[in-house]
């Protein structure tokens, strides 16, 4: 994939042909699958921007492309763009794969999306018996959609695997979490740095080293850093004035203006870093912690209960400015 295409797609995980640093996780999942021990309900949780969704797409492709031309390259953890399953999944037309995600203009994953998935599962499998359901950004499931999903989770079909991708900074509904086998994705600072370096080399992304150091002073997740680079490129964020409050407010304005939730994870990460920095600077840690809790509660309520975005952002600004 060319550099321009990478920026144009916003580093979408389903478009990533190369997987970095997931060797151990990949080998574990393949071993579980080959020994018929792969859990039907899998929860991949971890920091936003670590490539959890990319890993899921690669694992799924490795299974679905097994007997196809241009099948998965296990030696290099690479998907061939000519592979049939890769092309069908990207067109959302693969008979053995179903994607549920939070739409850019919606605040949550709706119950209708879950019901549509259930209707899909009730259909006869095509070519292969196995089916994969991928639920990206599972933290956007509200209570109604979770309750509908539990019917599938609690009585899984042997040949159906549900993989949920979860940003661990946002609490997942406990009744759902308790019914899945959780795999916590974690990389050390050195490993995250290596992933970022590999991504920059692989996609031939030229980034000013001084700019990169400024970004890394606030962020340590490869995916978040690349997303931020894209926003800087689009002049949404000005790192000549790298103040966390300015970045937070600019992101809010951008999200509201475009009516697009794509950067909510980046916004939450920035808010988390802001409060982390504030806790290090003050002796009144209880007040900062209380304000941080209020902000997280506002974000979680917004995602679960369809609260107005303008009101949510106003509450967050009040807690940041006057807190």
C-alpha atoms as a PDB file:
ATOM      1  CA  UNK A   1       0.000   0.000   0.000  1.00  0.00           C
ATOM      2  CA  UNK A   2       1.326   3.412  -0.969  1.00  0.00           C
ATOM      3  CA  UNK A   3       1.868   6.216   1.543  1.00  0.00           C
ATOM      4  CA  UNK A   4      -0.986   8.314   0.101  1.00  0.00           C
ATOM      5  CA  UNK A   5      -3.366   5.363   0.389  1.00  0.00           C
ATOM      6  CA  UNK A   6      -2.364   4.772   4.006  1.00  0.00           C
ATOM      7  CA  UNK A   7      -3.184   8.347   4.998  1.00  0.00           C
ATOM      8  CA  UNK A   8      -6.370   8.318   2.916  1.00  0.00           C
ATOM      9  CA  UNK A   9      -7.707   5.228   4.720  1.00  0.00           C
ATOM     10  CA  UNK A  10      -6.632   6.473   8.143  1.00  0.00           C
ATOM     11  CA  UNK A  11      -4.565   3.319   8.749  1.00  0.00           C
ATOM     12  CA  UNK A  12      -7.702   1.176   8.766  1.00  0.00           C
ATOM     13  CA  UNK A  13      -6.851  -2.262  10.210  1.00  0.00           C
ATOM     14  CA  UNK A  14      -8.644  -4.207   7.456  1.00  0.00           C
ATOM     15  CA  UNK A  15      -6.334  -2.566   4.890  1.00  0.00           C
ATOM     16  CA  UNK A  16      -3.059  -3.435   6.646  1.00  0.00           C
ATOM     17  CA  UNK A  17      -1.246  -6.133   4.694  1.00  0.00           C
ATOM     18  CA  UNK A  18       1.653  -6.396   7.170  1.00  0.00           C
ATOM     19  CA  UNK A  19       1.519  -7.307  10.865  1.00  0.00           C
ATOM     20  CA  UNK A  20       4.330  -6.335  13.236  1.00  0.00           C
ATOM     21  CA  UNK A  21       5.398  -7.764  16.610  1.00  0.00           C
ATOM     22  CA  UNK A  22       2.434 -10.099  17.144  1.00  0.00           C
ATOM     23  CA  UNK A  23       4.474 -13.261  16.592  1.00  0.00           C
ATOM     24  CA  UNK A  24       3.773 -14.837  19.989  1.00  0.00           C
ATOM     25  CA  UNK A  25       0.068 -13.983  19.985  1.00  0.00           C
ATOM     26  CA  UNK A  26      -0.301 -15.263  16.432  1.00  0.00           C
ATOM     27  CA  UNK A  27       1.457 -18.553  17.151  1.00  0.00           C
ATOM     28  CA  UNK A  28      -0.697 -19.047  20.263  1.00  0.00           C
ATOM     29  CA  UNK A  29      -3.953 -18.492  18.378  1.00  0.00           C
ATOM     30  CA  UNK A  30      -2.952 -20.788  15.524  1.00  0.00           C
ATOM     31  CA  UNK A  31      -1.972 -23.498  18.015  1.00  0.00           C
ATOM     32  CA  UNK A  32      -5.301 -23.155  19.830  1.00  0.00           C
ATOM     33  CA  UNK A  33      -7.196 -23.303  16.554  1.00  0.00           C
ATOM     34  CA  UNK A  34      -5.357 -26.365  15.226  1.00  0.00           C
ATOM     35  CA  UNK A  35      -5.959 -28.197  18.496  1.00  0.00           C
ATOM     36  CA  UNK A  36      -9.657 -27.266  18.563  1.00  0.00           C
ATOM     37  CA  UNK A  37      -9.075 -25.215  21.711  1.00  0.00           C
ATOM     38  CA  UNK A  38      -9.790 -21.749  20.345  1.00  0.00           C
ATOM     39  CA  UNK A  39     -12.502 -20.112  22.521  1.00  0.00           C
ATOM     40  CA  UNK A  40     -15.724 -19.246  20.762  1.00  0.00           C
ATOM     41  CA  UNK A  41     -15.893 -15.869  22.496  1.00  0.00           C
ATOM     42  CA  UNK A  42     -12.593 -13.983  22.441  1.00  0.00           C
ATOM     43  CA  UNK A  43     -11.933 -10.583  23.984  1.00  0.00           C
ATOM     44  CA  UNK A  44      -8.795  -8.779  22.785  1.00  0.00           C
ATOM     45  CA  UNK A  45      -8.260  -5.928  25.229  1.00  0.00           C
ATOM     46  CA  UNK A  46      -5.496  -3.381  25.512  1.00  0.00           C
ATOM     47  CA  UNK A  47      -4.431   0.176  24.890  1.00  0.00           C
ATOM     48  CA  UNK A  48      -5.874   1.882  21.831  1.00  0.00           C
ATOM     49  CA  UNK A  49      -3.516   1.949  18.845  1.00  0.00           C
ATOM     50  CA  UNK A  50      -1.603  -1.281  19.505  1.00  0.00           C
ATOM     51  CA  UNK A  51      -2.919  -3.065  16.403  1.00  0.00           C
ATOM     52  CA  UNK A  52      -5.414  -5.418  18.066  1.00  0.00           C
ATOM     53  CA  UNK A  53      -7.856  -5.155  15.156  1.00  0.00           C
ATOM     54  CA  UNK A  54      -5.071  -5.586  12.604  1.00  0.00           C
ATOM     55  CA  UNK A  55      -4.001  -8.755  14.426  1.00  0.00           C
ATOM     56  CA  UNK A  56      -7.594 -10.061  14.352  1.00  0.00           C
ATOM     57  CA  UNK A  57      -7.889  -9.449  10.600  1.00  0.00           C
ATOM     58  CA  UNK A  58      -4.604 -11.240   9.966  1.00  0.00           C
ATOM     59  CA  UNK A  59      -5.543 -14.242  12.100  1.00  0.00           C
ATOM     60  CA  UNK A  60      -8.944 -14.504  10.411  1.00  0.00           C
ATOM     61  CA  UNK A  61      -7.350 -14.250   6.966  1.00  0.00           C
ATOM     62  CA  UNK A  62      -4.849 -16.973   7.849  1.00  0.00           C
ATOM     63  CA  UNK A  63      -7.785 -19.349   8.500  1.00  0.00           C
ATOM     64  CA  UNK A  64     -10.115 -18.333   5.679  1.00  0.00           C
ATOM     65  CA  UNK A  65      -7.369 -18.194   3.014  1.00  0.00           C
ATOM     66  CA  UNK A  66      -5.925 -21.589   3.904  1.00  0.00           C
ATOM     67  CA  UNK A  67      -6.921 -23.312   0.633  1.00  0.00           C
ATOM     68  CA  UNK A  68      -6.998 -20.223  -1.572  1.00  0.00           C
ATOM     69  CA  UNK A  69      -4.495 -18.796  -4.012  1.00  0.00           C
ATOM     70  CA  UNK A  70      -2.106 -16.295  -2.448  1.00  0.00           C
ATOM     71  CA  UNK A  71      -2.834 -17.660   1.023  1.00  0.00           C
ATOM     72  CA  UNK A  72      -1.495 -16.112   4.203  1.00  0.00           C
ATOM     73  CA  UNK A  73       2.288 -15.809   4.545  1.00  0.00           C
ATOM     74  CA  UNK A  74       2.987 -17.196   8.025  1.00  0.00           C
ATOM     75  CA  UNK A  75       6.732 -16.637   7.730  1.00  0.00           C
ATOM     76  CA  UNK A  76       6.404 -12.878   7.241  1.00  0.00           C
ATOM     77  CA  UNK A  77       2.957 -12.297   8.791  1.00  0.00           C
ATOM     78  CA  UNK A  78       1.734 -10.778   5.554  1.00  0.00           C
ATOM     79  CA  UNK A  79      -1.544 -10.813   3.607  1.00  0.00           C
ATOM     80  CA  UNK A  80      -1.279 -10.918  -0.170  1.00  0.00           C
ATOM     81  CA  UNK A  81      -3.573  -8.188  -1.591  1.00  0.00           C
ATOM     82  CA  UNK A  82      -4.523 -10.581  -4.417  1.00  0.00           C
ATOM     83  CA  UNK A  83      -5.969 -13.055  -1.923  1.00  0.00           C
ATOM     84  CA  UNK A  84      -9.684 -13.733  -2.416  1.00  0.00           C
ATOM     85  CA  UNK A  85     -10.642 -13.591   1.256  1.00  0.00           C
ATOM     86  CA  UNK A  86      -8.753 -10.331   1.756  1.00  0.00           C
ATOM     87  CA  UNK A  87     -10.581  -8.710  -1.153  1.00  0.00           C
ATOM     88  CA  UNK A  88     -14.008 -10.032  -0.101  1.00  0.00           C
ATOM     89  CA  UNK A  89     -13.577  -8.931   3.523  1.00  0.00           C
ATOM     90  CA  UNK A  90     -12.596  -5.436   2.391  1.00  0.00           C
ATOM     91  CA  UNK A  91     -15.739  -5.294   0.279  1.00  0.00           C
ATOM     92  CA  UNK A  92     -17.733  -6.622   3.273  1.00  0.00           C
ATOM     93  CA  UNK A  93     -18.905  -9.469   1.082  1.00  0.00           C
ATOM     94  CA  UNK A  94     -17.195 -12.523   2.561  1.00  0.00           C
ATOM     95  CA  UNK A  95     -19.749 -15.278   3.312  1.00  0.00           C
ATOM     96  CA  UNK A  96     -17.829 -16.469   6.387  1.00  0.00           C
ATOM     97  CA  UNK A  97     -17.018 -13.119   7.943  1.00  0.00           C
ATOM     98  CA  UNK A  98     -19.244 -10.526   9.585  1.00  0.00           C
ATOM     99  CA  UNK A  99     -18.123  -7.135  10.888  1.00  0.00           C
ATOM    100  CA  UNK A 100     -19.806  -5.039  13.552  1.00  0.00           C
ATOM    101  CA  UNK A 101     -18.291  -1.641  14.245  1.00  0.00           C
ATOM    102  CA  UNK A 102     -19.264   1.781  15.492  1.00  0.00           C
ATOM    103  CA  UNK A 103     -20.163   3.883  12.479  1.00  0.00           C
ATOM    104  CA  UNK A 104     -18.363   7.205  12.185  1.00  0.00           C
ATOM    105  CA  UNK A 105     -21.579   9.210  12.602  1.00  0.00           C
ATOM    106  CA  UNK A 106     -23.077   7.102  15.424  1.00  0.00           C
ATOM    107  CA  UNK A 107     -22.438   7.217  19.134  1.00  0.00           C
ATOM    108  CA  UNK A 108     -22.883   3.504  19.786  1.00  0.00           C
ATOM    109  CA  UNK A 109     -23.299   0.073  18.221  1.00  0.00           C
ATOM    110  CA  UNK A 110     -27.037  -0.337  17.837  1.00  0.00           C
ATOM    111  CA  UNK A 111     -29.250  -3.294  18.651  1.00  0.00           C
ATOM    112  CA  UNK A 112     -30.214  -3.418  14.950  1.00  0.00           C
ATOM    113  CA  UNK A 113     -26.599  -4.199  14.053  1.00  0.00           C
ATOM    114  CA  UNK A 114     -26.652  -7.132  16.465  1.00  0.00           C
ATOM    115  CA  UNK A 115     -29.979  -8.408  15.132  1.00  0.00           C
ATOM    116  CA  UNK A 116     -28.663  -8.212  11.556  1.00  0.00           C
ATOM    117  CA  UNK A 117     -25.674 -10.293  12.650  1.00  0.00           C
ATOM    118  CA  UNK A 118     -27.979 -12.882  14.262  1.00  0.00           C
ATOM    119  CA  UNK A 119     -29.918 -13.143  10.991  1.00  0.00           C
ATOM    120  CA  UNK A 120     -26.610 -13.709   9.202  1.00  0.00           C
ATOM    121  CA  UNK A 121     -25.694 -16.521  11.585  1.00  0.00           C
ATOM    122  CA  UNK A 122     -29.008 -18.225  10.963  1.00  0.00           C
ATOM    123  CA  UNK A 123     -28.174 -18.546   7.289  1.00  0.00           C
ATOM    124  CA  UNK A 124     -26.437 -21.603   5.880  1.00  0.00           C
ATOM    125  CA  UNK A 125     -22.643 -21.382   5.724  1.00  0.00           C
ATOM    126  CA  UNK A 126     -21.059 -21.140   2.304  1.00  0.00           C
ATOM    127  CA  UNK A 127     -18.027 -23.239   1.270  1.00  0.00           C
ATOM    128  CA  UNK A 128     -16.635 -23.429   4.797  1.00  0.00           C
ATOM    129  CA  UNK A 129     -18.505 -24.151   7.992  1.00  0.00           C
ATOM    130  CA  UNK A 130     -16.463 -21.763  10.081  1.00  0.00           C
ATOM    131  CA  UNK A 131     -17.716 -18.217  10.659  1.00  0.00           C
ATOM    132  CA  UNK A 132     -15.979 -15.241  12.233  1.00  0.00           C
ATOM    133  CA  UNK A 133     -17.804 -12.337  13.847  1.00  0.00           C
ATOM    134  CA  UNK A 134     -15.535  -9.361  14.492  1.00  0.00           C
ATOM    135  CA  UNK A 135     -16.845  -6.656  16.824  1.00  0.00           C
ATOM    136  CA  UNK A 136     -14.479  -3.704  16.636  1.00  0.00           C
ATOM    137  CA  UNK A 137     -14.512  -1.089  19.415  1.00  0.00           C
ATOM    138  CA  UNK A 138     -16.721  -3.254  21.616  1.00  0.00           C
ATOM    139  CA  UNK A 139     -16.808  -0.456  24.194  1.00  0.00           C
ATOM    140  CA  UNK A 140     -19.396   1.212  21.926  1.00  0.00           C
ATOM    141  CA  UNK A 141     -21.921  -1.543  22.633  1.00  0.00           C
ATOM    142  CA  UNK A 142     -24.761  -0.081  24.694  1.00  0.00           C
ATOM    143  CA  UNK A 143     -26.855  -2.037  27.188  1.00  0.00           C
ATOM    144  CA  UNK A 144     -29.530  -2.972  24.638  1.00  0.00           C
ATOM    145  CA  UNK A 145     -27.029  -4.248  22.068  1.00  0.00           C
ATOM    146  CA  UNK A 146     -25.130  -6.169  24.770  1.00  0.00           C
ATOM    147  CA  UNK A 147     -28.295  -7.913  25.926  1.00  0.00           C
ATOM    148  CA  UNK A 148     -29.060  -8.946  22.349  1.00  0.00           C
ATOM    149  CA  UNK A 149     -25.490 -10.153  21.847  1.00  0.00           C
ATOM    150  CA  UNK A 150     -25.555 -12.282  25.012  1.00  0.00           C
ATOM    151  CA  UNK A 151     -28.006 -14.683  23.373  1.00  0.00           C
ATOM    152  CA  UNK A 152     -25.292 -15.606  20.859  1.00  0.00           C
ATOM    153  CA  UNK A 153     -22.419 -15.461  23.351  1.00  0.00           C
ATOM    154  CA  UNK A 154     -24.092 -17.751  25.893  1.00  0.00           C
ATOM    155  CA  UNK A 155     -25.034 -20.436  23.360  1.00  0.00           C
ATOM    156  CA  UNK A 156     -22.244 -20.347  20.761  1.00  0.00           C
ATOM    157  CA  UNK A 157     -22.207 -22.488  17.646  1.00  0.00           C
ATOM    158  CA  UNK A 158     -19.125 -24.717  17.628  1.00  0.00           C
ATOM    159  CA  UNK A 159     -18.038 -23.316  14.263  1.00  0.00           C
ATOM    160  CA  UNK A 160     -18.683 -19.668  15.081  1.00  0.00           C
ATOM    161  CA  UNK A 161     -16.016 -17.480  16.671  1.00  0.00           C
ATOM    162  CA  UNK A 162     -16.823 -14.037  18.028  1.00  0.00           C
ATOM    163  CA  UNK A 163     -13.806 -11.736  18.439  1.00  0.00           C
ATOM    164  CA  UNK A 164     -14.330  -8.508  20.358  1.00  0.00           C
ATOM    165  CA  UNK A 165     -11.778  -5.686  20.180  1.00  0.00           C
ATOM    166  CA  UNK A 166     -11.768  -3.574  23.342  1.00  0.00           C
ATOM    167  CA  UNK A 167     -10.007  -0.335  24.225  1.00  0.00           C
ATOM    168  CA  UNK A 168      -9.196  -1.166  27.855  1.00  0.00           C
ATOM    169  CA  UNK A 169      -9.276   2.488  28.949  1.00  0.00           C
ATOM    170  CA  UNK A 170     -13.081   2.338  28.626  1.00  0.00           C
ATOM    171  CA  UNK A 171     -15.031  -0.033  30.838  1.00  0.00           C
ATOM    172  CA  UNK A 172     -16.807  -2.891  29.071  1.00  0.00           C
ATOM    173  CA  UNK A 173     -20.184  -4.137  30.310  1.00  0.00           C
ATOM    174  CA  UNK A 174     -19.275  -6.769  32.904  1.00  0.00           C
ATOM    175  CA  UNK A 175     -21.933  -9.308  31.868  1.00  0.00           C
ATOM    176  CA  UNK A 176     -20.361  -9.408  28.410  1.00  0.00           C
ATOM    177  CA  UNK A 177     -16.754  -9.436  29.595  1.00  0.00           C
ATOM    178  CA  UNK A 178     -17.381 -12.322  32.009  1.00  0.00           C
ATOM    179  CA  UNK A 179     -18.633 -14.532  29.178  1.00  0.00           C
ATOM    180  CA  UNK A 180     -15.510 -14.139  27.041  1.00  0.00           C
ATOM    181  CA  UNK A 181     -11.964 -15.449  27.309  1.00  0.00           C
ATOM    182  CA  UNK A 182      -9.844 -12.326  27.599  1.00  0.00           C
ATOM    183  CA  UNK A 183      -6.440 -11.951  25.985  1.00  0.00           C
ATOM    184  CA  UNK A 184      -4.689  -8.837  27.257  1.00  0.00           C
ATOM    185  CA  UNK A 185      -2.497  -7.286  24.568  1.00  0.00           C
ATOM    186  CA  UNK A 186       0.547  -5.545  25.994  1.00  0.00           C
ATOM    187  CA  UNK A 187       3.825  -4.294  24.563  1.00  0.00           C
ATOM    188  CA  UNK A 188       6.760  -2.739  26.385  1.00  0.00           C
ATOM    189  CA  UNK A 189       7.944   0.785  25.522  1.00  0.00           C
ATOM    190  CA  UNK A 190      10.755  -0.732  23.486  1.00  0.00           C
ATOM    191  CA  UNK A 191       8.353  -3.001  21.579  1.00  0.00           C
ATOM    192  CA  UNK A 192       5.969  -0.119  20.829  1.00  0.00           C
ATOM    193  CA  UNK A 193       8.889   1.940  19.562  1.00  0.00           C
ATOM    194  CA  UNK A 194       9.913  -0.951  17.296  1.00  0.00           C
ATOM    195  CA  UNK A 195       6.383  -1.289  15.896  1.00  0.00           C
ATOM    196  CA  UNK A 196       6.311   2.417  15.082  1.00  0.00           C
ATOM    197  CA  UNK A 197       9.712   2.272  13.396  1.00  0.00           C
ATOM    198  CA  UNK A 198       8.637  -0.730  11.307  1.00  0.00           C
ATOM    199  CA  UNK A 199       5.423   1.017  10.235  1.00  0.00           C
ATOM    200  CA  UNK A 200       7.309   4.141   9.191  1.00  0.00           C
ATOM    201  CA  UNK A 201       9.801   2.084   7.167  1.00  0.00           C
ATOM    202  CA  UNK A 202       7.230  -0.280   5.630  1.00  0.00           C
ATOM    203  CA  UNK A 203       4.960   2.534   4.425  1.00  0.00           C
ATOM    204  CA  UNK A 204       7.855   4.883   3.609  1.00  0.00           C
ATOM    205  CA  UNK A 205       6.454   7.587   5.883  1.00  0.00           C
ATOM    206  CA  UNK A 206       8.831  10.518   6.266  1.00  0.00           C
ATOM    207  CA  UNK A 207       8.161  12.326   9.540  1.00  0.00           C
ATOM    208  CA  UNK A 208      10.248  15.160  10.920  1.00  0.00           C
ATOM    209  CA  UNK A 209      12.204  13.740  13.865  1.00  0.00           C
ATOM    210  CA  UNK A 210      11.604  16.844  16.015  1.00  0.00           C
ATOM    211  CA  UNK A 211       7.869  16.628  15.365  1.00  0.00           C
ATOM    212  CA  UNK A 212       7.907  12.928  16.172  1.00  0.00           C
ATOM    213  CA  UNK A 213       9.693  13.567  19.480  1.00  0.00           C
ATOM    214  CA  UNK A 214       7.077  16.163  20.413  1.00  0.00           C
ATOM    215  CA  UNK A 215       4.292  13.686  19.716  1.00  0.00           C
ATOM    216  CA  UNK A 216       6.030  10.896  21.614  1.00  0.00           C
ATOM    217  CA  UNK A 217       6.305  13.125  24.663  1.00  0.00           C
ATOM    218  CA  UNK A 218       2.512  12.780  24.952  1.00  0.00           C
ATOM    219  CA  UNK A 219       1.734   9.475  23.208  1.00  0.00           C
ATOM    220  CA  UNK A 220       3.318   6.042  23.161  1.00  0.00           C
ATOM    221  CA  UNK A 221       0.855   3.993  21.087  1.00  0.00           C
ATOM    222  CA  UNK A 222       1.966   3.455  17.438  1.00  0.00           C
ATOM    223  CA  UNK A 223      -1.545   3.709  16.027  1.00  0.00           C
ATOM    224  CA  UNK A 224      -2.389   6.844  18.009  1.00  0.00           C
ATOM    225  CA  UNK A 225       0.873   8.487  16.898  1.00  0.00           C
ATOM    226  CA  UNK A 226       0.190   7.766  13.216  1.00  0.00           C
ATOM    227  CA  UNK A 227      -3.381   9.021  13.549  1.00  0.00           C
ATOM    228  CA  UNK A 228      -2.100  12.203  15.183  1.00  0.00           C
ATOM    229  CA  UNK A 229       0.442  12.680  12.390  1.00  0.00           C
ATOM    230  CA  UNK A 230      -2.453  12.542   9.942  1.00  0.00           C
ATOM    231  CA  UNK A 231      -4.384  15.197  11.891  1.00  0.00           C
ATOM    232  CA  UNK A 232      -1.290  17.406  12.001  1.00  0.00           C
ATOM    233  CA  UNK A 233      -0.951  16.921   8.242  1.00  0.00           C
ATOM    234  CA  UNK A 234      -4.571  18.116   7.863  1.00  0.00           C
ATOM    235  CA  UNK A 235      -3.852  21.130  10.127  1.00  0.00           C
ATOM    236  CA  UNK A 236      -6.371  19.975  12.738  1.00  0.00           C
ATOM    237  CA  UNK A 237      -3.667  20.099  15.400  1.00  0.00           C
ATOM    238  CA  UNK A 238      -0.762  22.534  15.641  1.00  0.00           C
ATOM    239  CA  UNK A 239       2.161  21.070  17.552  1.00  0.00           C
ATOM    240  CA  UNK A 240       4.033  24.361  17.430  1.00  0.00           C
ATOM    241  CA  UNK A 241       1.879  24.992  20.471  1.00  0.00           C
ATOM    242  CA  UNK A 242       1.869  21.485  21.971  1.00  0.00           C
ATOM    243  CA  UNK A 243      -0.445  22.232  24.881  1.00  0.00           C
ATOM    244  CA  UNK A 244      -2.646  19.292  25.845  1.00  0.00           C
ATOM    245  CA  UNK A 245      -5.671  21.489  26.535  1.00  0.00           C
ATOM    246  CA  UNK A 246      -5.354  23.055  23.059  1.00  0.00           C
ATOM    247  CA  UNK A 247      -5.113  19.603  21.489  1.00  0.00           C
ATOM    248  CA  UNK A 248      -8.184  18.412  23.440  1.00  0.00           C
ATOM    249  CA  UNK A 249     -10.294  21.433  22.448  1.00  0.00           C
ATOM    250  CA  UNK A 250      -9.166  21.290  18.796  1.00  0.00           C
ATOM    251  CA  UNK A 251     -10.081  17.603  18.632  1.00  0.00           C
ATOM    252  CA  UNK A 252     -13.510  18.311  20.120  1.00  0.00           C
ATOM    253  CA  UNK A 253     -14.129  21.071  17.577  1.00  0.00           C
ATOM    254  CA  UNK A 254     -12.990  18.785  14.729  1.00  0.00           C
ATOM    255  CA  UNK A 255     -15.222  15.913  15.882  1.00  0.00           C
ATOM    256  CA  UNK A 256     -18.270  18.169  16.281  1.00  0.00           C
ATOM    257  CA  UNK A 257     -17.702  19.924  12.960  1.00  0.00           C
ATOM    258  CA  UNK A 258     -17.341  16.688  11.000  1.00  0.00           C
ATOM    259  CA  UNK A 259     -19.947  14.757  13.027  1.00  0.00           C
ATOM    260  CA  UNK A 260     -17.480  11.897  13.068  1.00  0.00           C
ATOM    261  CA  UNK A 261     -16.580   9.668  16.026  1.00  0.00           C
ATOM    262  CA  UNK A 262     -13.421   8.249  14.451  1.00  0.00           C
ATOM    263  CA  UNK A 263     -11.109  10.298  16.678  1.00  0.00           C
ATOM    264  CA  UNK A 264     -12.914   9.736  19.978  1.00  0.00           C
ATOM    265  CA  UNK A 265     -10.274   7.245  21.094  1.00  0.00           C
ATOM    266  CA  UNK A 266      -7.551   9.781  20.349  1.00  0.00           C
ATOM    267  CA  UNK A 267      -9.518  12.392  22.303  1.00  0.00           C
ATOM    268  CA  UNK A 268      -9.847  10.068  25.280  1.00  0.00           C
ATOM    269  CA  UNK A 269      -6.145   9.224  25.170  1.00  0.00           C
ATOM    270  CA  UNK A 270      -5.275  12.923  25.160  1.00  0.00           C
ATOM    271  CA  UNK A 271      -7.598  13.578  28.102  1.00  0.00           C
ATOM    272  CA  UNK A 272      -5.987  10.711  30.008  1.00  0.00           C
ATOM    273  CA  UNK A 273      -2.508  12.111  29.397  1.00  0.00           C
ATOM    274  CA  UNK A 274      -3.679  15.568  30.477  1.00  0.00           C
ATOM    275  CA  UNK A 275      -4.911  14.320  33.847  1.00  0.00           C
ATOM    276  CA  UNK A 276      -1.849  12.124  34.277  1.00  0.00           C
ATOM    277  CA  UNK A 277       0.346  15.200  33.822  1.00  0.00           C
ATOM    278  CA  UNK A 278      -1.827  17.213  36.223  1.00  0.00           C
ATOM    279  CA  UNK A 279      -1.542  14.516  38.894  1.00  0.00           C
ATOM    280  CA  UNK A 280       2.247  14.707  38.676  1.00  0.00           C
ATOM    281  CA  UNK A 281       2.236  18.498  39.107  1.00  0.00           C
ATOM    282  CA  UNK A 282      -0.122  18.936  42.079  1.00  0.00           C
ATOM    283  CA  UNK A 283      -0.422  17.991  45.718  1.00  0.00           C
ATOM    284  CA  UNK A 284      -4.202  18.085  45.546  1.00  0.00           C
ATOM    285  CA  UNK A 285      -4.441  14.685  43.854  1.00  0.00           C
ATOM    286  CA  UNK A 286      -7.916  13.915  45.207  1.00  0.00           C
ATOM    287  CA  UNK A 287      -9.464  16.891  43.370  1.00  0.00           C
ATOM    288  CA  UNK A 288      -7.725  16.019  40.085  1.00  0.00           C
ATOM    289  CA  UNK A 289      -8.760  12.365  40.419  1.00  0.00           C
ATOM    290  CA  UNK A 290     -12.365  13.419  41.075  1.00  0.00           C
ATOM    291  CA  UNK A 291     -12.439  15.617  37.964  1.00  0.00           C
ATOM    292  CA  UNK A 292     -10.873  12.829  35.927  1.00  0.00           C
ATOM    293  CA  UNK A 293     -13.565  10.423  37.137  1.00  0.00           C
ATOM    294  CA  UNK A 294     -16.271  12.897  36.121  1.00  0.00           C
ATOM    295  CA  UNK A 295     -14.793  13.222  32.636  1.00  0.00           C
ATOM    296  CA  UNK A 296     -14.586   9.438  32.188  1.00  0.00           C
ATOM    297  CA  UNK A 297     -18.156   9.092  33.431  1.00  0.00           C
ATOM    298  CA  UNK A 298     -19.284  11.685  30.875  1.00  0.00           C
ATOM    299  CA  UNK A 299     -17.524   9.821  28.035  1.00  0.00           C
ATOM    300  CA  UNK A 300     -18.875   6.427  29.091  1.00  0.00           C
ATOM    301  CA  UNK A 301     -22.420   7.769  29.466  1.00  0.00           C
ATOM    302  CA  UNK A 302     -22.163   9.428  26.073  1.00  0.00           C
ATOM    303  CA  UNK A 303     -21.222   6.136  24.424  1.00  0.00           C
ATOM    304  CA  UNK A 304     -23.734   3.959  26.262  1.00  0.00           C
ATOM    305  CA  UNK A 305     -26.817   6.140  26.478  1.00  0.00           C
ATOM    306  CA  UNK A 306     -26.680   8.269  23.306  1.00  0.00           C
ATOM    307  CA  UNK A 307     -26.239  11.538  25.219  1.00  0.00           C
ATOM    308  CA  UNK A 308     -25.838  14.669  23.100  1.00  0.00           C
ATOM    309  CA  UNK A 309     -22.209  15.177  22.057  1.00  0.00           C
ATOM    310  CA  UNK A 310     -22.311  18.961  22.530  1.00  0.00           C
ATOM    311  CA  UNK A 311     -23.441  18.588  26.138  1.00  0.00           C
ATOM    312  CA  UNK A 312     -20.832  15.909  26.813  1.00  0.00           C
ATOM    313  CA  UNK A 313     -17.993  18.036  25.449  1.00  0.00           C
ATOM    314  CA  UNK A 314     -19.247  21.059  27.411  1.00  0.00           C
ATOM    315  CA  UNK A 315     -19.131  19.049  30.658  1.00  0.00           C
ATOM    316  CA  UNK A 316     -15.616  17.824  29.853  1.00  0.00           C
ATOM    317  CA  UNK A 317     -14.393  21.361  29.136  1.00  0.00           C
ATOM    318  CA  UNK A 318     -15.849  22.592  32.416  1.00  0.00           C
ATOM    319  CA  UNK A 319     -14.050  19.882  34.384  1.00  0.00           C
ATOM    320  CA  UNK A 320     -10.764  20.561  32.580  1.00  0.00           C
ATOM    321  CA  UNK A 321     -10.842  24.369  32.730  1.00  0.00           C
ATOM    322  CA  UNK A 322     -12.402  24.914  36.141  1.00  0.00           C
ATOM    323  CA  UNK A 323     -11.194  21.699  37.727  1.00  0.00           C
END
